[in-house]
Amino acid sequence: MQSYHLDEIDRKILGFLIKNARMPFLEIARECGVSGAAIHQRVKKLELNGVITGSRLLVKPQALGLNVCAYISVTLSEANKYPEVIAAFRAIPEIVECHFVTGRYSLLVKLYCYDNDHLMDILLNTIQKIPYVQSTETQISLDNEIERQVGVQQRDKTEND
């Protein structure tokens, strides 16, 4: 994907929306010194150019009783079969992220479970029974100290850019 050039007002808009996606456009307009219509147009342009890909409501997993966050590194018996494995992972509601990665493993999966017994059940009776899953290695997150959206800071251009 080609990058979209953000000006200072775009960066301000994104900064406000990252902090609070429900912030009224008129309030953003006042902060940016432009009209409400200009904010609507700019947000629409940011959406059309793929800079903004949506907004969502975030739910704290622990509030739903999902007290165990784990990362599972998955080795596949046949790396080119990862689309089939991904399709199987999509059917597992506990899985919230899946990345095709470089290195020793093929996939890195993030999931939430109620407790360690639930995690073990998902591992043994679901994930490890998926065709082409050769092995797994699990890490349990003890605490999440940083969770945020990407920032909108300006990157300094180097001679090689």
C-alpha atoms as a PDB file:
ATOM      1  CA  MET A   1       0.000   0.000   0.000  1.00  0.00           C
ATOM      2  CA  GLN A   2       1.303   3.413  -0.941  1.00  0.00           C
ATOM      3  CA  SER A   3       1.521   5.896   1.918  1.00  0.00           C
ATOM      4  CA  TYR A   4      -0.813   8.865   1.983  1.00  0.00           C
ATOM      5  CA  HIS A   5       0.669  12.302   2.720  1.00  0.00           C
ATOM      6  CA  LEU A   6      -0.700  13.673   5.983  1.00  0.00           C
ATOM      7  CA  ASP A   7      -0.599  17.404   6.640  1.00  0.00           C
ATOM      8  CA  GLU A   8      -0.598  18.961  10.102  1.00  0.00           C
ATOM      9  CA  ILE A   9      -4.406  19.191  10.290  1.00  0.00           C
ATOM     10  CA  ASP A  10      -4.752  15.515   9.290  1.00  0.00           C
ATOM     11  CA  ARG A  11      -2.303  14.616  12.058  1.00  0.00           C
ATOM     12  CA  LYS A  12      -4.268  16.655  14.601  1.00  0.00           C
ATOM     13  CA  ILE A  13      -7.537  15.019  13.521  1.00  0.00           C
ATOM     14  CA  LEU A  14      -6.019  11.552  13.817  1.00  0.00           C
ATOM     15  CA  GLY A  15      -4.529  12.419  17.205  1.00  0.00           C
ATOM     16  CA  PHE A  16      -7.940  13.434  18.562  1.00  0.00           C
ATOM     17  CA  LEU A  17      -9.696  10.404  17.067  1.00  0.00           C
ATOM     18  CA  ILE A  18      -7.059   7.987  18.368  1.00  0.00           C
ATOM     19  CA  LYS A  19      -7.567   9.363  21.883  1.00  0.00           C
ATOM     20  CA  ASN A  20     -11.364   9.382  21.573  1.00  0.00           C
ATOM     21  CA  ALA A  21     -13.057   7.979  18.459  1.00  0.00           C
ATOM     22  CA  ARG A  22     -16.352   9.413  19.711  1.00  0.00           C
ATOM     23  CA  MET A  23     -15.079  13.003  19.875  1.00  0.00           C
ATOM     24  CA  PRO A  24     -17.580  15.197  17.998  1.00  0.00           C
ATOM     25  CA  PHE A  25     -16.313  16.550  14.682  1.00  0.00           C
ATOM     26  CA  LEU A  26     -17.365  20.073  15.682  1.00  0.00           C
ATOM     27  CA  GLU A  27     -15.133  19.874  18.744  1.00  0.00           C
ATOM     28  CA  ILE A  28     -12.243  18.652  16.581  1.00  0.00           C
ATOM     29  CA  ALA A  29     -12.972  21.508  14.152  1.00  0.00           C
ATOM     30  CA  ARG A  30     -12.723  24.074  16.961  1.00  0.00           C
ATOM     31  CA  GLU A  31      -9.428  22.565  18.145  1.00  0.00           C
ATOM     32  CA  CYS A  32      -8.033  22.589  14.586  1.00  0.00           C
ATOM     33  CA  GLY A  33      -9.369  26.018  13.648  1.00  0.00           C
ATOM     34  CA  VAL A  34     -11.378  24.797  10.660  1.00  0.00           C
ATOM     35  CA  SER A  35     -15.059  24.210   9.879  1.00  0.00           C
ATOM     36  CA  GLY A  36     -16.999  21.113  10.842  1.00  0.00           C
ATOM     37  CA  ALA A  37     -17.549  20.407   7.141  1.00  0.00           C
ATOM     38  CA  ALA A  38     -13.779  20.459   6.586  1.00  0.00           C
ATOM     39  CA  ILE A  39     -13.329  17.838   9.301  1.00  0.00           C
ATOM     40  CA  HIS A  40     -16.024  15.634   7.716  1.00  0.00           C
ATOM     41  CA  GLN A  41     -14.343  15.948   4.314  1.00  0.00           C
ATOM     42  CA  ARG A  42     -10.886  15.216   5.684  1.00  0.00           C
ATOM     43  CA  VAL A  43     -12.040  12.181   7.685  1.00  0.00           C
ATOM     44  CA  LYS A  44     -13.838  10.851   4.610  1.00  0.00           C
ATOM     45  CA  LYS A  45     -10.649  11.357   2.541  1.00  0.00           C
ATOM     46  CA  LEU A  46      -8.586   9.594   5.235  1.00  0.00           C
ATOM     47  CA  GLU A  47     -11.045   6.673   5.103  1.00  0.00           C
ATOM     48  CA  LEU A  48     -11.027   6.510   1.284  1.00  0.00           C
ATOM     49  CA  ASN A  49      -7.220   6.472   1.257  1.00  0.00           C
ATOM     50  CA  GLY A  50      -7.035   3.670   3.822  1.00  0.00           C
ATOM     51  CA  VAL A  51      -5.483   5.758   6.599  1.00  0.00           C
ATOM     52  CA  ILE A  52      -8.555   5.242   8.799  1.00  0.00           C
ATOM     53  CA  THR A  53      -9.774   1.665   8.493  1.00  0.00           C
ATOM     54  CA  GLY A  54     -12.671   1.898  10.919  1.00  0.00           C
ATOM     55  CA  SER A  55     -13.521   2.505  14.523  1.00  0.00           C
ATOM     56  CA  ARG A  56     -14.522   0.053  17.176  1.00  0.00           C
ATOM     57  CA  LEU A  57     -15.657  -0.357  20.718  1.00  0.00           C
ATOM     58  CA  LEU A  58     -12.992  -1.921  22.925  1.00  0.00           C
ATOM     59  CA  VAL A  59     -14.052  -4.348  25.651  1.00  0.00           C
ATOM     60  CA  LYS A  60     -11.715  -5.289  28.478  1.00  0.00           C
ATOM     61  CA  PRO A  61     -11.442  -9.114  28.280  1.00  0.00           C
ATOM     62  CA  GLN A  62     -11.213  -9.450  32.073  1.00  0.00           C
ATOM     63  CA  ALA A  63     -14.628  -7.770  32.388  1.00  0.00           C
ATOM     64  CA  LEU A  64     -16.012 -10.805  30.527  1.00  0.00           C
ATOM     65  CA  GLY A  65     -14.119 -13.255  32.734  1.00  0.00           C
ATOM     66  CA  LEU A  66     -11.373 -13.860  30.143  1.00  0.00           C
ATOM     67  CA  ASN A  67      -8.503 -13.699  32.622  1.00  0.00           C
ATOM     68  CA  VAL A  68      -5.776 -15.507  30.661  1.00  0.00           C
ATOM     69  CA  CYS A  69      -4.100 -13.876  27.683  1.00  0.00           C
ATOM     70  CA  ALA A  70      -1.741 -16.184  25.812  1.00  0.00           C
ATOM     71  CA  TYR A  71       0.465 -16.050  22.751  1.00  0.00           C
ATOM     72  CA  ILE A  72       0.902 -19.268  20.831  1.00  0.00           C
ATOM     73  CA  SER A  73       3.708 -19.762  18.344  1.00  0.00           C
ATOM     74  CA  VAL A  74       2.612 -22.317  15.756  1.00  0.00           C
ATOM     75  CA  THR A  75       4.821 -24.477  13.546  1.00  0.00           C
ATOM     76  CA  LEU A  76       3.175 -25.817  10.402  1.00  0.00           C
ATOM     77  CA  SER A  77       4.073 -29.122   8.778  1.00  0.00           C
ATOM     78  CA  GLU A  78       3.589 -27.457   5.379  1.00  0.00           C
ATOM     79  CA  ALA A  79       4.104 -23.681   5.342  1.00  0.00           C
ATOM     80  CA  ASN A  80       2.078 -23.214   2.149  1.00  0.00           C
ATOM     81  CA  LYS A  81      -0.996 -24.566   3.968  1.00  0.00           C
ATOM     82  CA  TYR A  82      -1.251 -21.542   6.241  1.00  0.00           C
ATOM     83  CA  PRO A  83      -4.468 -20.272   4.540  1.00  0.00           C
ATOM     84  CA  GLU A  84      -6.244 -23.482   5.598  1.00  0.00           C
ATOM     85  CA  VAL A  85      -4.936 -23.130   9.152  1.00  0.00           C
ATOM     86  CA  ILE A  86      -5.979 -19.459   9.260  1.00  0.00           C
ATOM     87  CA  ALA A  87      -9.477 -20.482   8.118  1.00  0.00           C
ATOM     88  CA  ALA A  88      -9.657 -22.977  11.008  1.00  0.00           C
ATOM     89  CA  PHE A  89      -8.385 -20.320  13.453  1.00  0.00           C
ATOM     90  CA  ARG A  90     -11.159 -17.932  12.351  1.00  0.00           C
ATOM     91  CA  ALA A  91     -13.678 -20.430  13.763  1.00  0.00           C
ATOM     92  CA  ILE A  92     -12.078 -20.291  17.245  1.00  0.00           C
ATOM     93  CA  PRO A  93     -13.670 -17.329  19.076  1.00  0.00           C
ATOM     94  CA  GLU A  94     -10.914 -17.167  21.699  1.00  0.00           C
ATOM     95  CA  ILE A  95      -8.364 -16.185  19.016  1.00  0.00           C
ATOM     96  CA  VAL A  96      -8.260 -12.400  18.623  1.00  0.00           C
ATOM     97  CA  GLU A  97      -5.123 -12.023  16.456  1.00  0.00           C
ATOM     98  CA  CYS A  98      -3.114 -14.182  14.100  1.00  0.00           C
ATOM     99  CA  HIS A  99       0.077 -13.135  12.346  1.00  0.00           C
ATOM    100  CA  PHE A 100       2.072 -14.968   9.647  1.00  0.00           C
ATOM    101  CA  VAL A 101       5.617 -14.330  10.907  1.00  0.00           C
ATOM    102  CA  THR A 102       9.250 -14.838  10.013  1.00  0.00           C
ATOM    103  CA  GLY A 103      11.617 -16.916  12.095  1.00  0.00           C
ATOM    104  CA  ARG A 104      11.327 -20.302  13.726  1.00  0.00           C
ATOM    105  CA  TYR A 105       7.525 -20.374  13.725  1.00  0.00           C
ATOM    106  CA  SER A 106       4.983 -19.812  10.973  1.00  0.00           C
ATOM    107  CA  LEU A 107       2.169 -18.171  12.930  1.00  0.00           C
ATOM    108  CA  LEU A 108       1.793 -16.157  16.104  1.00  0.00           C
ATOM    109  CA  VAL A 109      -1.654 -16.280  17.686  1.00  0.00           C
ATOM    110  CA  LYS A 110      -3.092 -14.196  20.520  1.00  0.00           C
ATOM    111  CA  LEU A 111      -6.056 -15.541  22.429  1.00  0.00           C
ATOM    112  CA  TYR A 112      -8.049 -15.004  25.603  1.00  0.00           C
ATOM    113  CA  CYS A 113      -9.358 -17.784  27.836  1.00  0.00           C
ATOM    114  CA  TYR A 114     -11.269 -17.919  31.113  1.00  0.00           C
ATOM    115  CA  ASP A 115      -8.538 -19.817  32.955  1.00  0.00           C
ATOM    116  CA  ASN A 116      -5.619 -22.188  32.384  1.00  0.00           C
ATOM    117  CA  ASP A 117      -7.951 -25.203  32.041  1.00  0.00           C
ATOM    118  CA  HIS A 118      -9.806 -23.428  29.241  1.00  0.00           C
ATOM    119  CA  LEU A 119      -6.467 -22.577  27.570  1.00  0.00           C
ATOM    120  CA  MET A 120      -5.315 -26.196  27.820  1.00  0.00           C
ATOM    121  CA  ASP A 121      -8.604 -27.394  26.318  1.00  0.00           C
ATOM    122  CA  ILE A 122      -8.279 -24.996  23.367  1.00  0.00           C
ATOM    123  CA  LEU A 123      -4.661 -26.075  22.821  1.00  0.00           C
ATOM    124  CA  LEU A 124      -5.134 -29.825  23.083  1.00  0.00           C
ATOM    125  CA  ASN A 125      -8.612 -30.286  21.677  1.00  0.00           C
ATOM    126  CA  THR A 126      -8.807 -27.568  19.071  1.00  0.00           C
ATOM    127  CA  ILE A 127      -5.571 -25.940  17.870  1.00  0.00           C
ATOM    128  CA  GLN A 128      -3.329 -29.006  17.958  1.00  0.00           C
ATOM    129  CA  LYS A 129      -5.967 -31.058  16.105  1.00  0.00           C
ATOM    130  CA  ILE A 130      -6.041 -28.702  13.121  1.00  0.00           C
ATOM    131  CA  PRO A 131      -4.457 -30.314  10.045  1.00  0.00           C
ATOM    132  CA  TYR A 132      -0.950 -28.983   9.263  1.00  0.00           C
ATOM    133  CA  VAL A 133      -0.386 -27.713  12.838  1.00  0.00           C
ATOM    134  CA  GLN A 134       2.815 -29.547  13.681  1.00  0.00           C
ATOM    135  CA  SER A 135       3.606 -28.044  17.086  1.00  0.00           C
ATOM    136  CA  THR A 136       2.870 -25.106  19.360  1.00  0.00           C
ATOM    137  CA  GLU A 137       4.705 -23.142  22.022  1.00  0.00           C
ATOM    138  CA  THR A 138       2.618 -21.117  24.458  1.00  0.00           C
ATOM    139  CA  GLN A 139       3.477 -18.031  26.462  1.00  0.00           C
ATOM    140  CA  ILE A 140       1.040 -16.659  29.022  1.00  0.00           C
ATOM    141  CA  SER A 141       0.950 -12.899  29.451  1.00  0.00           C
ATOM    142  CA  LEU A 142       1.256 -11.926  33.107  1.00  0.00           C
ATOM    143  CA  ASP A 143       0.471  -8.246  32.538  1.00  0.00           C
ATOM    144  CA  ASN A 144      -0.089  -5.814  29.674  1.00  0.00           C
ATOM    145  CA  GLU A 145       1.818  -2.633  30.408  1.00  0.00           C
ATOM    146  CA  ILE A 146       1.417  -0.891  27.029  1.00  0.00           C
ATOM    147  CA  GLU A 147      -1.566  -1.039  24.686  1.00  0.00           C
ATOM    148  CA  ARG A 148      -2.164   1.753  22.214  1.00  0.00           C
ATOM    149  CA  GLN A 149      -2.847   2.707  18.628  1.00  0.00           C
ATOM    150  CA  VAL A 150      -0.002   3.737  16.373  1.00  0.00           C
ATOM    151  CA  GLY A 151       0.978   7.357  16.768  1.00  0.00           C
ATOM    152  CA  VAL A 152       0.812  10.043  14.108  1.00  0.00           C
ATOM    153  CA  GLN A 153       4.212  11.594  14.707  1.00  0.00           C
ATOM    154  CA  GLN A 154       6.210  12.864  11.750  1.00  0.00           C
ATOM    155  CA  ARG A 155       9.060  10.619  10.623  1.00  0.00           C
ATOM    156  CA  ASP A 156      12.268  12.411   9.792  1.00  0.00           C
ATOM    157  CA  LYS A 157      13.285  11.778   6.192  1.00  0.00           C
ATOM    158  CA  THR A 158      16.795  10.471   5.620  1.00  0.00           C
ATOM    159  CA  GLU A 159      18.927  10.702   2.519  1.00  0.00           C
ATOM    160  CA  ASN A 160      17.927   7.140   1.564  1.00  0.00           C
ATOM    161  CA  ASP A 161      14.150   7.854   1.555  1.00  0.00           C
END
